[in-house]
Every structure is written in C-alpha cells, then in structure tokens.
C-alpha atoms as a PDB file:
ATOM      1  CA  MET A   1     197.565  88.727  21.127  1.00  0.00           C
ATOM      2  CA  ALA A   2     198.394  90.633  24.088  1.00  0.00           C
ATOM      3  CA  THR A   3     198.368  87.837  26.961  1.00  0.00           C
ATOM      4  CA  ASP A   4     202.265  88.134  27.703  1.00  0.00           C
ATOM      5  CA  LYS A   5     201.716  88.946  31.482  1.00  0.00           C
ATOM      6  CA  SER A   6     197.880  88.091  31.910  1.00  0.00           C
ATOM      7  CA  CYS A   7     196.660  85.785  34.321  1.00  0.00           C
ATOM      8  CA  ALA A   8     193.204  84.542  35.552  1.00  0.00           C
ATOM      9  CA  VAL A   9     192.179  82.339  38.753  1.00  0.00           C
ATOM     10  CA  ILE A  10     188.630  80.459  38.421  1.00  0.00           C
ATOM     11  CA  GLY A  11     187.322  79.698  41.838  1.00  0.00           C
ATOM     12  CA  SER A  12     186.777  81.701  44.826  1.00  0.00           C
ATOM     13  CA  GLY A  13     187.391  79.002  47.477  1.00  0.00           C
ATOM     14  CA  LEU A  14     190.470  78.212  49.728  1.00  0.00           C
ATOM     15  CA  PHE A  15     192.703  77.336  47.005  1.00  0.00           C
ATOM     16  CA  GLY A  16     191.530  79.868  44.629  1.00  0.00           C
ATOM     17  CA  ILE A  17     192.224  82.768  47.374  1.00  0.00           C
ATOM     18  CA  GLN A  18     195.650  81.239  47.860  1.00  0.00           C
ATOM     19  CA  ALA A  19     196.541  81.356  44.138  1.00  0.00           C
ATOM     20  CA  VAL A  20     195.262  84.767  44.122  1.00  0.00           C
ATOM     21  CA  ARG A  21     197.107  85.890  47.174  1.00  0.00           C
ATOM     22  CA  GLU A  22     200.496  84.138  45.755  1.00  0.00           C
ATOM     23  CA  PHE A  23     199.921  86.128  42.355  1.00  0.00           C
ATOM     24  CA  THR A  24     199.144  89.575  43.887  1.00  0.00           C
ATOM     25  CA  ARG A  25     202.118  89.323  46.509  1.00  0.00           C
ATOM     26  CA  ARG A  26     204.389  89.270  43.452  1.00  0.00           C
ATOM     27  CA  GLY A  27     202.679  92.026  42.347  1.00  0.00           C
ATOM     28  CA  LYS A  28     200.728  90.371  39.164  1.00  0.00           C
ATOM     29  CA  THR A  29     197.262  91.847  38.392  1.00  0.00           C
ATOM     30  CA  VAL A  30     194.691  89.103  38.239  1.00  0.00           C
ATOM     31  CA  ASP A  31     191.320  88.626  36.549  1.00  0.00           C
ATOM     32  CA  TRP A  32     189.342  86.518  39.274  1.00  0.00           C
ATOM     33  CA  TYR A  33     186.155  84.569  38.378  1.00  0.00           C
ATOM     34  CA  SER A  34     183.785  83.110  40.613  1.00  0.00           C
ATOM     35  CA  SER A  35     180.031  82.140  40.262  1.00  0.00           C
ATOM     36  CA  ASP A  36     179.550  83.534  43.815  1.00  0.00           C
ATOM     37  CA  PRO A  37     179.072  86.761  44.998  1.00  0.00           C
ATOM     38  CA  GLU A  38     182.270  86.744  47.321  1.00  0.00           C
ATOM     39  CA  PRO A  39     185.185  84.674  48.383  1.00  0.00           C
ATOM     40  CA  GLY A  40     184.739  81.791  50.573  1.00  0.00           C
ATOM     41  CA  GLY A  41     183.690  78.832  48.220  1.00  0.00           C
ATOM     42  CA  ILE A  42     182.136  76.039  50.575  1.00  0.00           C
ATOM     43  CA  TRP A  43     182.831  77.920  53.629  1.00  0.00           C
ATOM     44  CA  GLN A  44     180.190  80.708  52.818  1.00  0.00           C
ATOM     45  CA  PRO A  45     177.003  80.651  54.308  1.00  0.00           C
ATOM     46  CA  MET A  46     173.996  78.829  52.227  1.00  0.00           C
ATOM     47  CA  PRO A  47     173.057  78.882  49.868  1.00  0.00           C
ATOM     48  CA  TRP A  48     176.486  79.784  48.043  1.00  0.00           C
ATOM     49  CA  GLY A  49     178.534  77.394  50.422  1.00  0.00           C
ATOM     50  CA  LYS A  50     177.862  74.123  52.128  1.00  0.00           C
ATOM     51  CA  THR A  51     178.926  74.731  55.522  1.00  0.00           C
ATOM     52  CA  ARG A  52     176.114  75.287  58.473  1.00  0.00           C
ATOM     53  CA  GLU A  53     176.303  77.919  60.954  1.00  0.00           C
ATOM     54  CA  SER A  54     176.672  75.517  63.979  1.00  0.00           C
ATOM     55  CA  THR A  55     179.712  73.982  62.257  1.00  0.00           C
ATOM     56  CA  GLU A  56     182.835  73.927  64.188  1.00  0.00           C
ATOM     57  CA  LEU A  57     186.062  72.919  62.413  1.00  0.00           C
ATOM     58  CA  VAL A  58     188.936  70.343  64.401  1.00  0.00           C
ATOM     59  CA  ASN A  59     191.900  71.986  64.015  1.00  0.00           C
ATOM     60  CA  PRO A  60     195.199  70.133  64.176  1.00  0.00           C
ATOM     61  CA  GLY A  61     197.400  72.985  63.373  1.00  0.00           C
ATOM     62  CA  TRP A  62     198.413  72.065  59.775  1.00  0.00           C
ATOM     63  CA  CYS A  63     194.867  71.679  58.414  1.00  0.00           C
ATOM     64  CA  ILE A  64     193.272  74.992  59.154  1.00  0.00           C
ATOM     65  CA  ALA A  65     195.850  77.752  59.597  1.00  0.00           C
ATOM     66  CA  PRO A  66     198.993  78.952  61.757  1.00  0.00           C
ATOM     67  CA  GLU A  67     196.765  81.520  62.914  1.00  0.00           C
ATOM     68  CA  PHE A  68     194.611  79.096  64.756  1.00  0.00           C
ATOM     69  CA  ARG A  69     197.214  76.888  65.985  1.00  0.00           C
ATOM     70  CA  ARG A  70     196.556  77.328  69.652  1.00  0.00           C
ATOM     71  CA  LYS A  71     192.670  76.691  69.262  1.00  0.00           C
ATOM     72  CA  PRO A  72     191.535  73.148  69.135  1.00  0.00           C
ATOM     73  CA  THR A  73     188.356  73.973  67.326  1.00  0.00           C
ATOM     74  CA  VAL A  74     187.442  77.103  65.019  1.00  0.00           C
ATOM     75  CA  THR A  75     183.822  78.210  64.455  1.00  0.00           C
ATOM     76  CA  VAL A  76     183.026  78.511  60.612  1.00  0.00           C
ATOM     77  CA  GLN A  77     182.543  82.268  61.202  1.00  0.00           C
ATOM     78  CA  GLU A  78     186.220  82.605  62.313  1.00  0.00           C
ATOM     79  CA  PHE A  79     187.340  80.838  59.424  1.00  0.00           C
ATOM     80  CA  ARG A  80     185.447  82.791  56.906  1.00  0.00           C
ATOM     81  CA  ALA A  81     186.842  86.020  58.363  1.00  0.00           C
ATOM     82  CA  LEU A  82     190.282  84.934  58.180  1.00  0.00           C
ATOM     83  CA  LEU A  83     189.677  83.752  54.447  1.00  0.00           C
ATOM     84  CA  LYS A  84     188.177  87.457  54.109  1.00  0.00           C
ATOM     85  CA  SER A  85     191.340  89.216  55.212  1.00  0.00           C
ATOM     86  CA  TRP A  86     193.336  86.904  52.863  1.00  0.00           C
ATOM     87  CA  SER A  87     191.497  87.581  49.889  1.00  0.00           C
ATOM     88  CA  ASP A  88     191.318  91.409  50.421  1.00  0.00           C
ATOM     89  CA  GLU A  89     195.045  91.695  50.886  1.00  0.00           C
ATOM     90  CA  ARG A  90     196.005  93.315  47.698  1.00  0.00           C
ATOM     91  CA  ALA A  91     192.156  94.051  46.065  1.00  0.00           C
ATOM     92  CA  ASP A  92     193.940  96.722  44.027  1.00  0.00           C
ATOM     93  CA  LEU A  93     195.633  93.954  41.999  1.00  0.00           C
ATOM     94  CA  GLN A  94     192.377  92.245  41.454  1.00  0.00           C
ATOM     95  CA  ARG A  95     189.749  92.381  38.909  1.00  0.00           C
ATOM     96  CA  ARG A  96     187.047  90.550  40.267  1.00  0.00           C
ATOM     97  CA  ARG A  97     184.508  88.863  38.032  1.00  0.00           C
ATOM     98  CA  PHE A  98     182.275  87.320  40.573  1.00  0.00           C
ATOM     99  CA  LEU A  99     178.812  86.106  39.883  1.00  0.00           C
ATOM    100  CA  THR A 100     180.150  84.840  36.586  1.00  0.00           C
ATOM    101  CA  ARG A 101     179.782  81.671  35.123  1.00  0.00           C
ATOM    102  CA  VAL A 102     182.774  80.236  33.125  1.00  0.00           C
ATOM    103  CA  ASP A 103     181.631  78.271  30.271  1.00  0.00           C
ATOM    104  CA  SER A 104     185.035  76.709  29.129  1.00  0.00           C
ATOM    105  CA  VAL A 105     188.844  76.972  29.324  1.00  0.00           C
ATOM    106  CA  MET A 106     190.287  76.233  26.250  1.00  0.00           C
ATOM    107  CA  GLU A 107     194.488  76.064  25.746  1.00  0.00           C
ATOM    108  CA  TYR A 108     196.091  76.741  22.786  1.00  0.00           C
ATOM    109  CA  ASP A 109     200.046  76.784  21.854  1.00  0.00           C
ATOM    110  CA  SER A 110     200.398  80.561  22.984  1.00  0.00           C
ATOM    111  CA  HIS A 111     197.321  81.350  24.971  1.00  0.00           C
ATOM    112  CA  VAL A 112     194.526  80.117  26.744  1.00  0.00           C
ATOM    113  CA  CYS A 113     191.107  81.123  26.293  1.00  0.00           C
ATOM    114  CA  VAL A 114     188.045  81.804  29.063  1.00  0.00           C
ATOM    115  CA  THR A 115     184.640  81.820  27.771  1.00  0.00           C
ATOM    116  CA  THR A 116     181.919  83.101  29.809  1.00  0.00           C
ATOM    117  CA  PRO A 117     178.547  84.540  28.356  1.00  0.00           C
ATOM    118  CA  ASP A 118     179.950  87.866  28.054  1.00  0.00           C
ATOM    119  CA  GLY A 119     182.386  86.455  25.263  1.00  0.00           C
ATOM    120  CA  GLU A 120     186.109  85.105  25.245  1.00  0.00           C
ATOM    121  CA  THR A 121     189.133  86.689  26.685  1.00  0.00           C
ATOM    122  CA  PRO A 122     192.459  85.307  26.167  1.00  0.00           C
ATOM    123  CA  TYR A 123     195.223  84.679  29.195  1.00  0.00           C
ATOM    124  CA  ALA A 124     198.965  83.591  29.116  1.00  0.00           C
ATOM    125  CA  PHE A 125     198.193  81.260  32.204  1.00  0.00           C
ATOM    126  CA  VAL A 126     195.093  80.141  33.831  1.00  0.00           C
ATOM    127  CA  VAL A 127     194.707  78.593  37.249  1.00  0.00           C
ATOM    128  CA  VAL A 128     191.322  76.080  37.650  1.00  0.00           C
ATOM    129  CA  ALA A 129     190.441  75.819  41.564  1.00  0.00           C
ATOM    130  CA  THR A 130     186.658  74.972  41.190  1.00  0.00           C
ATOM    131  CA  GLY A 131     186.699  72.379  43.973  1.00  0.00           C
ATOM    132  CA  HIS A 132     184.862  69.045  44.142  1.00  0.00           C
ATOM    133  CA  TYR A 133     181.264  70.649  45.048  1.00  0.00           C
ATOM    134  CA  GLY A 134     178.562  71.467  42.775  1.00  0.00           C
ATOM    135  CA  ALA A 135     174.839  71.122  42.852  1.00  0.00           C
ATOM    136  CA  PRO A 136     173.000  69.542  45.766  1.00  0.00           C
ATOM    137  CA  ARG A 137     172.445  65.647  45.005  1.00  0.00           C
ATOM    138  CA  ILE A 138     168.994  63.968  45.689  1.00  0.00           C
ATOM    139  CA  PRO A 139     168.657  60.426  43.999  1.00  0.00           C
ATOM    140  CA  ASP A 140     165.928  60.924  41.163  1.00  0.00           C
ATOM    141  CA  THR A 141     164.172  57.833  42.668  1.00  0.00           C
ATOM    142  CA  TRP A 142     163.399  60.273  45.918  1.00  0.00           C
ATOM    143  CA  THR A 143     160.112  62.065  45.632  1.00  0.00           C
ATOM    144  CA  GLY A 144     157.938  63.881  47.802  1.00  0.00           C
ATOM    145  CA  ASP A 145     157.409  67.687  48.795  1.00  0.00           C
ATOM    146  CA  ASN A 146     158.508  66.634  52.222  1.00  0.00           C
ATOM    147  CA  CYS A 147     162.174  65.579  51.029  1.00  0.00           C
ATOM    148  CA  CYS A 148     164.619  68.187  50.958  1.00  0.00           C
ATOM    149  CA  HIS A 149     168.652  68.548  50.642  1.00  0.00           C
ATOM    150  CA  ALA A 150     170.352  69.608  53.728  1.00  0.00           C
ATOM    151  CA  SER A 151     171.983  72.592  51.851  1.00  0.00           C
ATOM    152  CA  SER A 152     168.191  74.017  51.498  1.00  0.00           C
ATOM    153  CA  LEU A 153     167.395  73.739  55.222  1.00  0.00           C
ATOM    154  CA  ARG A 154     167.317  77.079  56.618  1.00  0.00           C
ATOM    155  CA  ASP A 155     165.459  76.541  59.999  1.00  0.00           C
ATOM    156  CA  LEU A 156     163.473  73.835  61.719  1.00  0.00           C
ATOM    157  CA  SER A 157     160.076  76.043  62.111  1.00  0.00           C
ATOM    158  CA  HIS A 158     158.325  74.420  59.392  1.00  0.00           C
ATOM    159  CA  ILE A 159     158.649  70.872  61.592  1.00  0.00           C
ATOM    160  CA  GLN A 160     155.886  70.549  64.121  1.00  0.00           C
ATOM    161  CA  PRO A 161     156.373  69.263  67.488  1.00  0.00           C
ATOM    162  CA  HIS A 162     156.610  65.511  67.904  1.00  0.00           C
ATOM    163  CA  GLN A 163     156.884  64.896  64.004  1.00  0.00           C
ATOM    164  CA  SER A 164     158.886  62.336  63.048  1.00  0.00           C
ATOM    165  CA  VAL A 165     162.594  63.778  61.054  1.00  0.00           C
ATOM    166  CA  LEU A 166     164.707  61.042  58.983  1.00  0.00           C
ATOM    167  CA  VAL A 167     168.630  62.278  58.317  1.00  0.00           C
ATOM    168  CA  ILE A 168     170.051  60.308  55.430  1.00  0.00           C
ATOM    169  CA  GLY A 169     173.713  60.419  55.206  1.00  0.00           C
ATOM    170  CA  GLY A 170     176.562  58.951  57.272  1.00  0.00           C
ATOM    171  CA  GLY A 171     178.745  61.665  56.819  1.00  0.00           C
ATOM    172  CA  GLN A 172     180.187  64.811  58.627  1.00  0.00           C
ATOM    173  CA  SER A 173     177.027  66.919  57.277  1.00  0.00           C
ATOM    174  CA  GLY A 174     174.730  64.329  58.471  1.00  0.00           C
ATOM    175  CA  VAL A 175     175.774  64.205  62.122  1.00  0.00           C
ATOM    176  CA  GLU A 176     176.061  67.977  62.160  1.00  0.00           C
ATOM    177  CA  ILE A 177     172.399  68.195  61.065  1.00  0.00           C
ATOM    178  CA  CYS A 178     171.533  65.685  63.731  1.00  0.00           C
ATOM    179  CA  GLU A 179     173.453  67.983  66.458  1.00  0.00           C
ATOM    180  CA  GLU A 180     171.791  70.733  65.162  1.00  0.00           C
ATOM    181  CA  ILE A 181     168.154  69.099  65.509  1.00  0.00           C
ATOM    182  CA  ILE A 182     168.863  67.827  69.037  1.00  0.00           C
ATOM    183  CA  GLU A 183     170.062  71.395  70.414  1.00  0.00           C
ATOM    184  CA  ASP A 184     167.435  73.553  68.661  1.00  0.00           C
ATOM    185  CA  ARG A 185     164.400  71.128  68.700  1.00  0.00           C
ATOM    186  CA  PRO A 186     164.482  68.474  70.978  1.00  0.00           C
ATOM    187  CA  ASP A 187     160.712  67.710  70.524  1.00  0.00           C
ATOM    188  CA  ILE A 188     161.349  66.519  67.104  1.00  0.00           C
ATOM    189  CA  ARG A 189     161.501  62.398  66.937  1.00  0.00           C
ATOM    190  CA  LEU A 190     164.618  62.106  65.074  1.00  0.00           C
ATOM    191  CA  SER A 191     166.085  59.129  63.039  1.00  0.00           C
ATOM    192  CA  TRP A 192     169.502  58.998  61.362  1.00  0.00           C
ATOM    193  CA  CYS A 193     170.268  56.682  58.311  1.00  0.00           C
ATOM    194  CA  THR A 194     173.940  56.136  58.041  1.00  0.00           C
ATOM    195  CA  GLY A 195     174.042  53.528  55.612  1.00  0.00           C
ATOM    196  CA  ARG A 196     176.857  51.706  57.617  1.00  0.00           C
ATOM    197  CA  LYS A 197     178.051  51.593  61.375  1.00  0.00           C
ATOM    198  CA  VAL A 198     179.601  54.463  62.186  1.00  0.00           C
ATOM    199  CA  ARG A 199     181.921  55.639  65.117  1.00  0.00           C
ATOM    200  CA  LEU A 200     181.270  58.819  66.758  1.00  0.00           C
ATOM    201  CA  ILE A 201     184.153  60.604  68.709  1.00  0.00           C
ATOM    202  CA  ALA A 202     184.331  63.666  70.642  1.00  0.00           C
ATOM    203  CA  ARG A 203     185.591  67.012  69.084  1.00  0.00           C
ATOM    204  CA  HIS A 204     188.465  67.515  71.659  1.00  0.00           C
ATOM    205  CA  SER A 205     189.518  63.751  71.760  1.00  0.00           C
ATOM    206  CA  PRO A 206     193.238  62.959  70.234  1.00  0.00           C
ATOM    207  CA  LEU A 207     191.618  60.963  67.486  1.00  0.00           C
ATOM    208  CA  ALA A 208     189.705  64.054  66.111  1.00  0.00           C
ATOM    209  CA  MET A 209     192.873  65.967  66.126  1.00  0.00           C
ATOM    210  CA  LEU A 210     194.250  63.379  63.797  1.00  0.00           C
ATOM    211  CA  GLY A 211     191.627  63.989  61.544  1.00  0.00           C
ATOM    212  CA  THR A 212     188.492  62.195  59.909  1.00  0.00           C
ATOM    213  CA  CYS A 213     191.053  60.411  57.344  1.00  0.00           C
ATOM    214  CA  VAL A 214     191.747  57.783  59.864  1.00  0.00           C
ATOM    215  CA  ARG A 215     189.859  54.628  59.239  1.00  0.00           C
ATOM    216  CA  TYR A 216     188.772  51.768  61.271  1.00  0.00           C
ATOM    217  CA  SER A 217     187.610  48.320  59.867  1.00  0.00           C
ATOM    218  CA  THR A 218     185.870  45.405  61.555  1.00  0.00           C
ATOM    219  CA  ARG A 219     185.489  41.718  60.405  1.00  0.00           C
ATOM    220  CA  GLY A 220     183.367  41.267  57.248  1.00  0.00           C
ATOM    221  CA  GLU A 221     182.969  45.097  56.563  1.00  0.00           C
ATOM    222  CA  ALA A 222     184.949  47.737  54.378  1.00  0.00           C
ATOM    223  CA  PRO A 223     187.088  50.401  56.278  1.00  0.00           C
ATOM    224  CA  ARG A 224     185.133  53.032  57.536  1.00  0.00           C
ATOM    225  CA  GLY A 225     186.149  56.749  58.903  1.00  0.00           C
ATOM    226  CA  PHE A 226     185.253  58.169  62.097  1.00  0.00           C
ATOM    227  CA  LEU A 227     182.606  60.880  62.326  1.00  0.00           C
ATOM    228  CA  ILE A 228     183.417  63.795  64.802  1.00  0.00           C
ATOM    229  CA  THR A 229     180.655  65.205  66.982  1.00  0.00           C
ATOM    230  CA  LYS A 230     180.256  67.513  69.906  1.00  0.00           C
ATOM    231  CA  SER A 231     179.157  64.650  72.106  1.00  0.00           C
ATOM    232  CA  PRO A 232     178.898  60.908  71.183  1.00  0.00           C
ATOM    233  CA  SER A 233     176.797  60.211  73.715  1.00  0.00           C
ATOM    234  CA  THR A 234     173.960  63.059  73.155  1.00  0.00           C
ATOM    235  CA  VAL A 235     173.626  62.045  69.447  1.00  0.00           C
ATOM    236  CA  SER A 236     173.403  58.414  70.433  1.00  0.00           C
ATOM    237  CA  SER A 237     170.741  58.710  72.927  1.00  0.00           C
ATOM    238  CA  HIS A 238     168.577  61.509  71.327  1.00  0.00           C
ATOM    239  CA  CYS A 239     168.246  59.995  67.905  1.00  0.00           C
ATOM    240  CA  THR A 240     167.640  56.226  66.459  1.00  0.00           C
ATOM    241  CA  ILE A 241     170.581  55.455  64.093  1.00  0.00           C
ATOM    242  CA  VAL A 242     169.470  53.430  61.520  1.00  0.00           C
ATOM    243  CA  PRO A 243     172.904  51.423  60.009  1.00  0.00           C
ATOM    244  CA  THR A 244     171.277  50.698  56.552  1.00  0.00           C
ATOM    245  CA  ARG A 245     170.851  52.082  53.091  1.00  0.00           C
ATOM    246  CA  VAL A 246     167.734  53.881  51.616  1.00  0.00           C
ATOM    247  CA  LEU A 247     166.626  52.196  48.239  1.00  0.00           C
ATOM    248  CA  HIS A 248     163.660  54.495  47.697  1.00  0.00           C
ATOM    249  CA  VAL A 249     161.606  57.377  49.048  1.00  0.00           C
ATOM    250  CA  ASP A 250     158.052  57.893  47.883  1.00  0.00           C
ATOM    251  CA  GLY A 251     156.612  60.959  49.798  1.00  0.00           C
ATOM    252  CA  GLY A 252     157.050  60.017  53.404  1.00  0.00           C
ATOM    253  CA  ARG A 253     157.357  56.202  52.855  1.00  0.00           C
ATOM    254  CA  VAL A 254     160.997  55.281  52.676  1.00  0.00           C
ATOM    255  CA  GLU A 255     162.470  51.514  51.864  1.00  0.00           C
ATOM    256  CA  PHE A 256     165.484  50.570  53.357  1.00  0.00           C
ATOM    257  CA  SER A 257     167.937  47.858  52.232  1.00  0.00           C
ATOM    258  CA  ASP A 258     167.121  45.340  54.992  1.00  0.00           C
ATOM    259  CA  GLY A 259     163.793  45.316  53.857  1.00  0.00           C
ATOM    260  CA  SER A 260     162.061  47.305  56.174  1.00  0.00           C
ATOM    261  CA  VAL A 261     159.762  50.317  55.230  1.00  0.00           C
ATOM    262  CA  GLN A 262     159.208  53.149  57.531  1.00  0.00           C
ATOM    263  CA  LYS A 263     156.905  56.449  57.060  1.00  0.00           C
ATOM    264  CA  TYR A 264     158.428  59.785  58.412  1.00  0.00           C
ATOM    265  CA  ASP A 265     156.856  63.469  58.478  1.00  0.00           C
ATOM    266  CA  HIS A 266     159.967  64.971  57.164  1.00  0.00           C
ATOM    267  CA  ILE A 267     163.218  63.756  55.265  1.00  0.00           C
ATOM    268  CA  ILE A 268     166.481  65.587  55.148  1.00  0.00           C
ATOM    269  CA  ALA A 269     168.986  64.293  52.325  1.00  0.00           C
ATOM    270  CA  ALA A 270     172.688  64.953  53.570  1.00  0.00           C
ATOM    271  CA  THR A 271     173.644  62.930  50.406  1.00  0.00           C
ATOM    272  CA  GLY A 272     176.525  65.134  49.388  1.00  0.00           C
ATOM    273  CA  TYR A 273     176.930  67.298  45.878  1.00  0.00           C
ATOM    274  CA  ALA A 274     177.499  66.381  42.530  1.00  0.00           C
ATOM    275  CA  ALA A 275     180.746  67.157  40.894  1.00  0.00           C
ATOM    276  CA  PRO A 276     180.670  70.698  39.434  1.00  0.00           C
ATOM    277  CA  VAL A 277     179.829  70.923  35.560  1.00  0.00           C
ATOM    278  CA  GLY A 278     183.019  70.061  34.070  1.00  0.00           C
ATOM    279  CA  LEU A 279     185.098  72.862  32.280  1.00  0.00           C
ATOM    280  CA  ASP A 280     186.805  71.685  29.221  1.00  0.00           C
ATOM    281  CA  PHE A 281     190.258  70.942  30.540  1.00  0.00           C
ATOM    282  CA  PRO A 282     192.348  69.167  28.340  1.00  0.00           C
ATOM    283  CA  ALA A 283     193.952  65.799  29.784  1.00  0.00           C
ATOM    284  CA  PRO A 284     196.412  66.920  32.126  1.00  0.00           C
ATOM    285  CA  ASN A 285     200.265  65.478  32.717  1.00  0.00           C
ATOM    286  CA  PRO A 286     200.692  65.124  36.678  1.00  0.00           C
ATOM    287  CA  ALA A 287     202.854  68.265  38.138  1.00  0.00           C
ATOM    288  CA  ARG A 288     205.769  68.059  40.731  1.00  0.00           C
ATOM    289  CA  THR A 289     203.416  69.473  43.096  1.00  0.00           C
ATOM    290  CA  LYS A 290     201.120  66.795  44.689  1.00  0.00           C
ATOM    291  CA  GLY A 291     197.222  67.560  43.994  1.00  0.00           C
ATOM    292  CA  MET A 292     197.866  69.857  41.483  1.00  0.00           C
ATOM    293  CA  ARG A 293     197.876  69.059  37.459  1.00  0.00           C
ATOM    294  CA  LEU A 294     199.049  70.820  34.359  1.00  0.00           C
ATOM    295  CA  SER A 295     197.702  70.918  31.184  1.00  0.00           C
ATOM    296  CA  PRO A 296     200.074  69.720  27.806  1.00  0.00           C
ATOM    297  CA  HIS A 297     201.134  73.199  27.322  1.00  0.00           C
ATOM    298  CA  SER A 298     201.500  73.950  31.110  1.00  0.00           C
ATOM    299  CA  ARG A 299     199.364  77.171  30.673  1.00  0.00           C
ATOM    300  CA  ILE A 300     196.460  75.795  32.847  1.00  0.00           C
ATOM    301  CA  ALA A 301     197.100  74.424  36.384  1.00  0.00           C
ATOM    302  CA  SER A 302     194.192  72.622  38.043  1.00  0.00           C
ATOM    303  CA  LEU A 303     194.223  72.632  41.757  1.00  0.00           C
ATOM    304  CA  ASN A 304     193.039  70.484  44.277  1.00  0.00           C
ATOM    305  CA  HIS A 305     192.456  67.924  41.501  1.00  0.00           C
ATOM    306  CA  ASP A 306     189.880  65.340  42.099  1.00  0.00           C
ATOM    307  CA  GLY A 307     191.331  62.163  42.944  1.00  0.00           C
ATOM    308  CA  ASP A 308     195.005  63.295  43.630  1.00  0.00           C
ATOM    309  CA  GLY A 309     194.855  62.780  47.457  1.00  0.00           C
ATOM    310  CA  CYS A 310     196.146  66.095  48.166  1.00  0.00           C
ATOM    311  CA  GLY A 311     193.719  66.300  51.357  1.00  0.00           C
ATOM    312  CA  GLY A 312     190.996  68.554  50.473  1.00  0.00           C
ATOM    313  CA  ALA A 313     191.222  71.318  53.255  1.00  0.00           C
ATOM    314  CA  SER A 314     194.658  70.822  53.822  1.00  0.00           C
ATOM    315  CA  MET A 315     195.979  74.441  54.232  1.00  0.00           C
ATOM    316  CA  ARG A 316     199.393  73.097  53.728  1.00  0.00           C
ATOM    317  CA  CYS A 317     198.476  71.910  50.312  1.00  0.00           C
ATOM    318  CA  ALA A 318     196.985  74.710  49.297  1.00  0.00           C
ATOM    319  CA  ARG A 319     199.848  77.125  49.900  1.00  0.00           C
ATOM    320  CA  LYS A 320     202.107  74.646  48.141  1.00  0.00           C
ATOM    321  CA  GLN A 321     199.978  74.525  45.121  1.00  0.00           C
ATOM    322  CA  ALA A 322     199.383  78.282  44.908  1.00  0.00           C
ATOM    323  CA  ALA A 323     203.141  78.938  45.302  1.00  0.00           C
ATOM    324  CA  ALA A 324     203.974  76.494  42.547  1.00  0.00           C
ATOM    325  CA  VAL A 325     201.591  78.005  40.096  1.00  0.00           C
ATOM    326  CA  ALA A 326     202.725  81.417  40.889  1.00  0.00           C
ATOM    327  CA  ARG A 327     206.307  80.313  40.026  1.00  0.00           C
ATOM    328  CA  LEU A 328     204.992  78.937  36.619  1.00  0.00           C
ATOM    329  CA  PHE A 329     203.639  82.139  35.934  1.00  0.00           C
ATOM    330  CA  THR A 330     206.678  84.054  36.676  1.00  0.00           C
ATOM    331  CA  ASP A 331     208.308  81.666  34.646  1.00  0.00           C
ATOM    332  CA  LEU A 332     206.668  82.481  31.392  1.00  0.00           C
ATOM    333  CA  ASP A 333     208.663  85.925  31.261  1.00  0.00           C
ATOM    334  CA  ASP A 334     211.592  83.710  31.041  1.00  0.00           C
ATOM    335  CA  PRO A 335     212.507  82.390  27.286  1.00  0.00           C
ATOM    336  CA  LYS A 336     214.411  79.499  28.974  1.00  0.00           C
ATOM    337  CA  LYS A 337     211.620  78.457  31.014  1.00  0.00           C
ATOM    338  CA  SER A 338     208.679  79.386  29.087  1.00  0.00           C
ATOM    339  CA  PRO A 339     206.224  76.466  27.644  1.00  0.00           C
ATOM    340  CA  ALA A 340     207.177  75.521  24.086  1.00  0.00           C
END
C-alpha cells in the first residue's frame, strides 16, 4: 500500500492550519479535509463559524499571535486575515478536500484509513484537529418559533421596537450578544439570564489581559470565571440581569429555577455547542506534548484533545502541537523511529 509518505489533516481551524503549515514548511504534501468551505474554523463568519462580526479578542500576546503583540485587542476580521495568510503560505503542497464530511478514521498496523462519502483513502499519518464545537445546542424542552440559537441570529430587524428579548447563557457569547443589542437596538427591552452571578470586566483592564481562565469564588458558591465586555457599566445599566437558570421554555413563557415565570417576545439561546460527531478514534495514549494525544500505533494524532487542558485558543499550544506532529510524521521515514 503506497502510504509511506502520505499524510492528512482533518479540520481547518487554528490547530488544523498550524499542522498544515508545519507539514508544508517541511516540503510535505498534505490532504486537507474540512466540512467548511474555507480555512478558519470557529473564526469564520456564521453559519460556518461561531464568531460574531462585533467580536474583539483580548490579546495578552501569547494567546493570539506575535504579529499582534502590541495590540491590546484584535478584531475577529484581523484574526481571520492572519489565519488566511498562514493557510495560503504553501497552497501548492495542499490538496484541499473542503466541504467534505469525514465519517471515520481507522488505524491499522501499517496505515490509517480515512472514510468519506466518496470512499476510503489510506495514509501513513493522520492529524485530527476537529475542535470542540459542533452543532448549536438548544435543550429539547425549549419549544417555540420565537426561540433561536445565537449562531442563527443574522440581524435584529425582525424584533420590533420595545419588544422584550431574553438572552440565555452566562458565557462570553451571551454577553457579546447583549452588547450587540445594546449598540444596535437600544429600543429593545433586554434581559440576560446568566444562570449564575457574573463579574463583568473591561476589555482593557489588567485582569482581562490575564484571560478569562482566572476564576473567583464567593461564600457558598462554586468558583466562577470573569466575562469580558467593552463596557461593564453599559451592560449592567441597559439590561436586566437574571442570575438564575432556565428550566423550561414554552413559546414565550419561560420558567426559572427560582420559581418565577416570565413572558418574552423573543428568546436567544447562547447555550453553547454540542460536541462534534465523534470520529472513530482509537483509545489514545497521552503524548509528550500537552493537549495532544496519540493512537496506539502513533499514526493518528489528536490535537487540542478535549479535556487535556491545553488552553483552547492558545497560539503557543497550537504551534507546539503542530511542530510535534510534523516531527512524528518525519520520523516515519526513519526505521529506527517509525512505529512498530
């Protein structure tokens, strides 16, 4: 089977781009799979990605990229342009199979088989960098035509002046949607259900530069993180913050965990994303590089592996893992280092 020098990367987000970049820098030709139309992953515009056009990334230097080291914040458009420039560096060594669904990745002693609707293709080495974000998640108990997920919200033109809107979700996406509504449509009556007591911090504050991984705790409550906003006072003064959980949504009727019931004209669910449909990835053994895992025969590498704590969007982790998998693939040519 002619797979001695063949490799594939599955996933076109930050980690996939860095892996392709490392392979092509070493003169390797890569088959690049993605269900998206172009590189970028979650940083693409909706519906392919999950970032809103108003998103600004807090940049503590190591987290985004050295190219932006002197900028305290980076717009999502700037970051997309940087990712595109990286992905296009050696396009002549890329065989892009975008808009292609990968159904399974199976490892054998001598090769890895990647299955798509078009058939099976054998490779010597495969990198899986499919990320943690799959389909938008709305609980099954939430019903009604006026309830939508944040990823499907294109604009606010369908909301009439002075109608009531409830944003559900106490994460970064939830507060960004609240900011967007406040800026674009101040005539909307806005409520934000956080499910917890949140602490809002300004984007240019020292705490924001440390990152949202910093946690705080209060007596009798589990530790919580901080949420970064353009203006904490604006969010607090222009929307009603509801620090309780949603139990049920039936049309515009919302039941909260504190026993209260409210009605809203529109409900926007910033409730995260279900994990991607799992590839048939063998039970992995931990690799030496943090956040990366290897399959039993070391022919499949999983980057930014869920639960391994490599810091999701950390550029440093992405580059370290990409360099590590490139070395592993290069070692396949060395009989002393190749997998048994």
